[in-house]
Amino acid sequence: MVRRICVLLLFCLGLIPADDARAQTAEEFFKGKTLRFTVVYEPGGTYDLYSRLVIVHLPKHIPGNPAIIVQYMPGAGGMVGTVNLYEKAARDGTQLGMLPRDIAVNQMLHSDGARYDSRRFSWIGRVASYTGVMLVMSRTGVKTAEDLRGSQVVAGSWGNTTDSFVTPTLLNALAGTHFKIVTGYRGAADVDLAIEPPEVPADRVAVLRGALAATLRDPEFLVDAQKQGLEIVPGNGEEVQQVVERTLATPHDLVARVAAIVGAQN
């Protein structure tokens, strides 16, 4: 069984206009609030581990010291939670999320299901850079990349919009491998076992970006991450926004070619 480990963690703000008074300072607004943090994958996976690590340390770096609770919204390879944040989350800074690393790619390849514009999320920053690892059980007899071209290996996937499906599909088409992709898993943990949103006040975006940056420098946070074996490679919201913009600027003919290979509708 092959698994994919997704480690790029993108933080964004949610959507939908707020009724609060815009004259409030960010500190006044956040004081006494309870923020909702959406995880778009099943509990127990890499995204969940990083999410829970961050929310333990993030509140003390936000002026007003709000509380943060986790909301799990898995489904369709992270698409359910992502679309929910885009369409229904409050555009006031009270709803945060850790979204899939391939959010912009899915926007191009799966426009039927990706009912969002990833450029419109208010990106707060990045916790870690992406490292993709495909692990093959020793009982398969596969020891080298060349072995993958001569035998069929089962690859577990949690949705055709995720890299757990796209990567082996592309390898089959372009590198001559013979992965048999089995979908239907709820997330990476199950396989192992077998945001610029409009209308968010700019000062709140700036505060949350600063809070995340401070969290990622926090010695207690770094010690906690090290204990859990979680690598931290910080990036600010502007960098994430640029990655989204560059991805969505991919030439249409190349997007169409990839879409044809993975069976996407764009």
Foldseek 3Di string as FASTA:
>chain_A
DKFKAWFKWWKWAFADEDPDDPPDFQLVVQAAAEAEEEEAADPPGNSNVVVVLLQVQLQVLFRNSHHYDYDYHYDQQSLRVVVCRHPPGYLALRYMYTGGPCLLLCCLFAVVSNVHQQLQTLILKIWADTDIDIDADVVVVDDDPVVQLVDEAEQEDAHLSHCSQLVVLVCVVPVNGHYDYDYDDRDRVRVVVCHSHPPHDPSSSVSSSSSSVVLSVDPVSVVVCVVVVHDTDITGSVVVSVVSVVSNPPDSVVSVVSSVSSVTDD
